[in-house]
Amino acid sequence: MCSHALLWSVGRGFYGQVAGGSLDENIGENSNVTALAVGGNYHLLSDFILTGEYEARFIHPKQTTTRIYTLLPGIAYRYSILDNLDVVAGGIAGLLWTSQTDNDTDKTIEKDSYFMWGGNITVRYAFNEYLEASGVAEVRRSDVLDEEVYTARVDYFTSPRIAFGGYYTHRDKDVATSNEGGVSVRFFY
């Protein structure tokens, strides 16, 4: 099967995505989490892939706004199980910037930067040459933020070079969880 979908696993491309969500387990009850991300993949050798992602998350309950920025380059290895089924495992290491401000006074309560590292595993399945589904499990660790991130997504390829998708992400942190749903667009070259 000639699959545009699994081209993302082995090709070169960029993506952008935006999501909104809720803090804690109240899915859809409030919209106090916003996440934006841009990233890309570059096929390096055989089944090795260079990865990179910049993400900005804004968590804004009633009294404060927390901003979390991450820049996480990494490397991954792709293993093709079938023509339409891949497993990709990787490691990431980069920077985490955090700041928290008081919503009433707009004064900074805390601001700092830290080293962050982690790993992830992705399972991708191409239903046909236009439709792909994937699931991702990721751990991220730093001095101030340890979280597990689980993502389920579906991407529709309008051409071999462009895909539009939707996704759901659940983040489980030390002190809270968040649930986010969003849309993405991916470009390949």
Protein backbone atom coordinates (compact mmCIF):
# COMPACT_ATOMS: atom_id res chain seq x y z
CA MET A 1 0.00 0.00 0.00
CA CYS A 2 1.37 3.42 -0.96
CA SER A 3 0.67 5.51 2.10
CA HIS A 4 0.95 9.27 2.36
CA ALA A 5 0.12 8.88 6.02
CA LEU A 6 3.19 6.94 7.12
CA LEU A 7 5.35 9.31 5.08
CA TRP A 8 5.26 11.53 8.19
CA SER A 9 7.16 8.86 10.10
CA VAL A 10 10.04 8.71 7.66
CA GLY A 11 9.86 12.02 5.80
CA ARG A 12 10.60 15.64 6.54
CA GLY A 13 7.91 17.97 7.68
CA PHE A 14 6.70 20.77 9.90
CA TYR A 15 3.53 21.10 11.92
CA GLY A 16 1.54 23.60 13.92
CA GLN A 17 -1.23 22.86 16.38
CA VAL A 18 -3.48 24.71 18.79
CA ALA A 19 -5.63 23.36 21.63
CA GLY A 20 -7.93 24.48 24.41
CA GLY A 21 -8.89 22.53 27.47
CA SER A 22 -9.63 22.25 31.13
CA LEU A 23 -7.64 21.93 34.33
CA ASP A 24 -8.17 18.80 36.42
CA GLU A 25 -10.70 16.13 35.48
CA ASN A 26 -13.57 18.45 34.53
CA ILE A 27 -13.45 17.80 30.79
CA GLY A 28 -15.30 20.48 28.87
CA GLU A 29 -16.47 22.25 32.02
CA ASN A 30 -14.09 25.19 31.74
CA SER A 31 -11.58 26.47 29.25
CA ASN A 32 -8.65 27.56 31.35
CA VAL A 33 -5.85 25.79 29.44
CA THR A 34 -4.50 26.93 26.07
CA ALA A 35 -1.66 25.17 24.21
CA LEU A 36 0.18 26.10 21.02
CA ALA A 37 2.96 24.04 19.42
CA VAL A 38 5.17 24.05 16.34
CA GLY A 39 7.64 21.33 15.47
CA GLY A 40 9.06 19.08 12.87
CA ASN A 41 10.76 15.83 11.90
CA TYR A 42 13.79 15.26 9.70
CA HIS A 43 14.67 11.81 8.39
CA LEU A 44 18.33 11.36 9.27
CA LEU A 45 19.57 7.82 8.59
CA SER A 46 17.69 4.65 7.73
CA ASP A 47 14.97 4.73 10.39
CA PHE A 48 16.46 7.45 12.64
CA ILE A 49 14.56 10.73 12.86
CA LEU A 50 15.58 14.10 14.31
CA THR A 51 12.67 15.74 16.10
CA GLY A 52 12.00 19.16 17.55
CA GLU A 53 9.10 20.95 19.19
CA TYR A 54 8.45 24.35 20.73
CA GLU A 55 5.34 24.50 22.89
CA ALA A 56 3.63 27.30 24.81
CA ARG A 57 0.96 26.45 27.39
CA PHE A 58 -1.10 28.91 29.36
CA ILE A 59 -2.98 27.74 32.44
CA HIS A 60 -5.26 30.44 33.76
CA PRO A 61 -7.49 29.58 36.68
CA LYS A 62 -9.15 32.47 38.52
CA GLN A 63 -6.28 34.10 40.48
CA THR A 64 -3.10 33.36 38.48
CA THR A 65 -1.80 32.64 35.00
CA THR A 66 0.98 30.09 34.58
CA ARG A 67 3.00 30.13 31.38
CA ILE A 68 4.99 27.02 30.45
CA TYR A 69 7.30 27.13 27.44
CA THR A 70 9.31 24.12 26.26
CA LEU A 71 11.92 23.68 23.55
CA LEU A 72 12.57 19.96 23.16
CA PRO A 73 14.81 18.62 20.39
CA GLY A 74 15.28 14.87 20.23
CA ILE A 75 16.00 11.75 18.25
CA ALA A 76 13.71 8.83 17.50
CA TYR A 77 13.85 5.40 15.92
CA ARG A 78 11.07 4.09 13.66
CA TYR A 79 10.26 0.41 13.45
CA SER A 80 7.86 -0.69 10.71
CA ILE A 81 5.76 -3.64 11.87
CA LEU A 82 3.56 -3.78 8.75
CA ASP A 83 3.24 -1.58 5.66
CA ASN A 84 0.59 0.44 7.46
CA LEU A 85 1.73 0.08 11.12
CA ASP A 86 4.73 1.82 12.73
CA VAL A 87 6.16 2.12 16.21
CA VAL A 88 8.37 5.14 16.89
CA ALA A 89 10.35 5.51 20.14
CA GLY A 90 12.42 8.54 21.03
CA GLY A 91 14.18 10.66 23.60
CA ILE A 92 13.99 14.41 24.15
CA ALA A 93 16.10 16.91 26.08
CA GLY A 94 15.83 20.66 26.17
CA LEU A 95 14.67 23.71 28.08
CA LEU A 96 11.62 24.58 30.14
CA TRP A 97 10.70 28.17 31.00
CA THR A 98 7.96 28.89 33.53
CA SER A 99 6.38 32.03 34.88
CA GLN A 100 3.40 32.71 37.07
CA THR A 101 1.62 36.06 37.37
CA ASP A 102 -1.17 37.39 39.56
CA ASN A 103 -4.22 38.10 37.38
CA ASP A 104 -5.38 41.08 39.47
CA THR A 105 -2.06 42.96 39.69
CA ASP A 106 -0.28 41.47 36.64
CA LYS A 107 2.83 41.10 38.83
CA THR A 108 5.19 38.19 38.38
CA ILE A 109 5.03 35.74 41.28
CA GLU A 110 7.69 33.36 39.99
CA LYS A 111 9.83 33.04 36.87
CA ASP A 112 12.61 30.55 36.06
CA SER A 113 14.12 28.17 33.51
CA TYR A 114 15.12 24.52 33.85
CA PHE A 115 16.55 21.57 31.97
CA MET A 116 13.90 19.06 30.84
CA TRP A 117 14.31 15.53 29.49
CA GLY A 118 12.02 12.65 28.62
CA GLY A 119 11.02 9.92 26.26
CA ASN A 120 8.06 8.86 24.16
CA ILE A 121 6.59 5.99 22.20
CA THR A 122 4.14 6.36 19.32
CA VAL A 123 2.02 3.76 17.54
CA ARG A 124 0.76 4.85 14.09
CA TYR A 125 -1.74 3.07 11.88
CA ALA A 126 -2.65 4.12 8.32
CA PHE A 127 -6.20 3.04 7.46
CA ASN A 128 -5.57 4.01 3.83
CA GLU A 129 -3.41 6.50 1.99
CA TYR A 130 -5.42 9.45 3.36
CA LEU A 131 -6.28 8.59 6.98
CA GLU A 132 -3.91 7.89 9.87
CA ALA A 133 -4.50 7.39 13.60
CA SER A 134 -1.85 7.43 16.30
CA GLY A 135 -1.41 7.15 20.04
CA VAL A 136 1.49 8.66 21.97
CA ALA A 137 2.70 8.10 25.54
CA GLU A 138 5.37 10.51 26.77
CA VAL A 139 7.16 11.24 30.04
CA ARG A 140 8.76 14.62 30.76
CA ARG A 141 10.98 15.33 33.74
CA SER A 142 12.53 18.50 35.21
CA ASP A 143 13.22 20.05 38.61
CA VAL A 144 9.78 21.72 38.71
CA LEU A 145 7.53 19.79 36.34
CA ASP A 146 7.15 16.03 36.02
CA GLU A 147 4.33 14.94 33.78
CA GLU A 148 3.02 12.07 31.72
CA VAL A 149 1.40 13.09 28.44
CA TYR A 150 -1.02 10.83 26.53
CA THR A 151 -2.25 11.85 23.08
CA ALA A 152 -4.70 10.28 20.62
CA ARG A 153 -4.90 11.84 17.16
CA VAL A 154 -6.32 11.38 13.69
CA ASP A 155 -4.83 13.01 10.58
CA TYR A 156 -6.40 13.32 7.12
CA PHE A 157 -4.02 13.79 4.18
CA THR A 158 -5.50 16.07 1.51
CA SER A 159 -2.36 15.46 -0.58
CA PRO A 160 1.02 13.80 -0.08
CA ARG A 161 2.29 17.15 1.27
CA ILE A 162 -0.55 18.41 3.53
CA ALA A 163 -2.47 16.81 6.42
CA PHE A 164 -5.13 18.21 8.75
CA GLY A 165 -5.83 16.57 12.08
CA GLY A 166 -7.57 16.59 15.42
CA TYR A 167 -6.24 15.37 18.74
CA TYR A 168 -6.96 14.90 22.43
CA THR A 169 -4.20 15.19 25.06
CA HIS A 170 -4.34 14.22 28.73
CA ARG A 171 -1.52 15.54 30.93
CA ASP A 172 -0.98 14.02 34.35
CA LYS A 173 1.26 16.17 36.56
CA ASP A 174 2.34 15.95 40.20
CA VAL A 175 -0.37 18.27 41.48
CA ALA A 176 -2.99 18.50 38.71
CA THR A 177 -4.13 17.14 35.39
CA SER A 178 -5.28 18.85 32.22
CA ASN A 179 -7.33 17.74 29.23
CA GLU A 180 -6.87 19.43 25.86
CA GLY A 181 -8.50 19.03 22.47
CA GLY A 182 -7.20 20.67 19.35
CA VAL A 183 -6.50 20.84 15.64
CA SER A 184 -3.27 20.64 13.66
CA VAL A 185 -1.88 21.10 10.18
CA ARG A 186 1.25 19.37 8.84
CA PHE A 187 3.38 20.20 5.80
CA PHE A 188 5.89 17.84 4.16
CA TYR A 189 8.76 18.53 1.83
